Amino acid sequence: MQSIQSFMMNLIFRMMPHDKPGEAHDYVAERKRNDREPLKCPDGVTIKEIFLNDMSGEHLHKDGNNKGLVFYIHGGGFTTGSAKERRMLTQYIVDHYGYDCIAINYRLAPENKWPLQIEDCYSAYQNLLKEYDSRDVIFMGESAGATAALSLGLLAKQRGLALPKAIVAFSPATDQYEDLPSHKGNIKTDYMLRDAVAKGMADVLFDHEVDREVLKDPLLSPYYGDFNGLPPIFLSASDSETLYDDTIVLYEKLKKEGHIVEKDIRHKVCHAYQMMPFIPEARKTLNRCFGFLDNL
């Protein structure tokens, strides 16, 4: 049964205004709207501003945490979001699951074109390895950040960089080439993304018209990547979001290939609900996720 908190979040997103037809989206204004005063830190959790290869970020710590480090990549369609905006989730993780967390602020589109976003993630992780053993690090993200977490694993493998302990992808976009059924079929039930997935991201990420084959690049569409040798993967999505099938097709591919993978699907919750732990469904997913990680 859907929780009241989930129902209310769907209602809030449903009531938010749409861009008018033909009107260019104002990403700068969206970032300003989202730049609210962050939540107060839970007792015992501290936040320190850090820089990884000149990239700003946050290090969240709690005394006694000894399970490792979550390297968190925020979502927002590669156009919005920040480490500060994800504190609701990163603080919750540090407070409840025994992991510290580092979250980064990569460069955003459309001002910064692809692949600067994933190169920033790679550069930050490369710098992180100067202080941390890769076997203690978890790649994690939601939405575009979940896509980046998967892509970063593929890129690290490609370039011979040490791989993390695991990868966690909450509501990722895994296939931007194929029009998966949920991309259009769930538009009426995905009040956050609406038709954004069906429209695609190419016009935002590139400053020129691209051939559709470019969208098969595994760094854009991880589904087409070679996951052989990558660490265990945890996937999660809502059955009512437009990116639902992205999780399903990747899970089925990984399962068929014998990869260690687990999926968690929740009913009628909003896209990227996992970043809002006041929603009961989000807490259930997080508990299952960290149970999966603790058993590796």
Foldseek 3Di string as FASTA:
>chain_A
DFDPVLVVVLVVLLPDDDDDVPDDDDLVVVQVVLPDDADDADPQWDWDWDAQPNWIKIKIAGPPQDQFEEEEEEDDLLRHDARRSLCLQQSCCRVPQSHIYIYTDFHGWPVAAPPSRLVVVLSRVVSVVVPDDQARYEYEYFECSLLSQLLNLLVCVVVVHDAHQEYEYELYQQALLDQDCLLQVLLVLASNCRNVSVVGCPVTRDPDDDDSVVRLPCSNHVLNGDCVPHHEYEYEFEPRHSSVVSRVSSVVVCVVVVGRYYYYYHYSGHGRCLSNVVGVSNVVSVVVVSVVVVVD
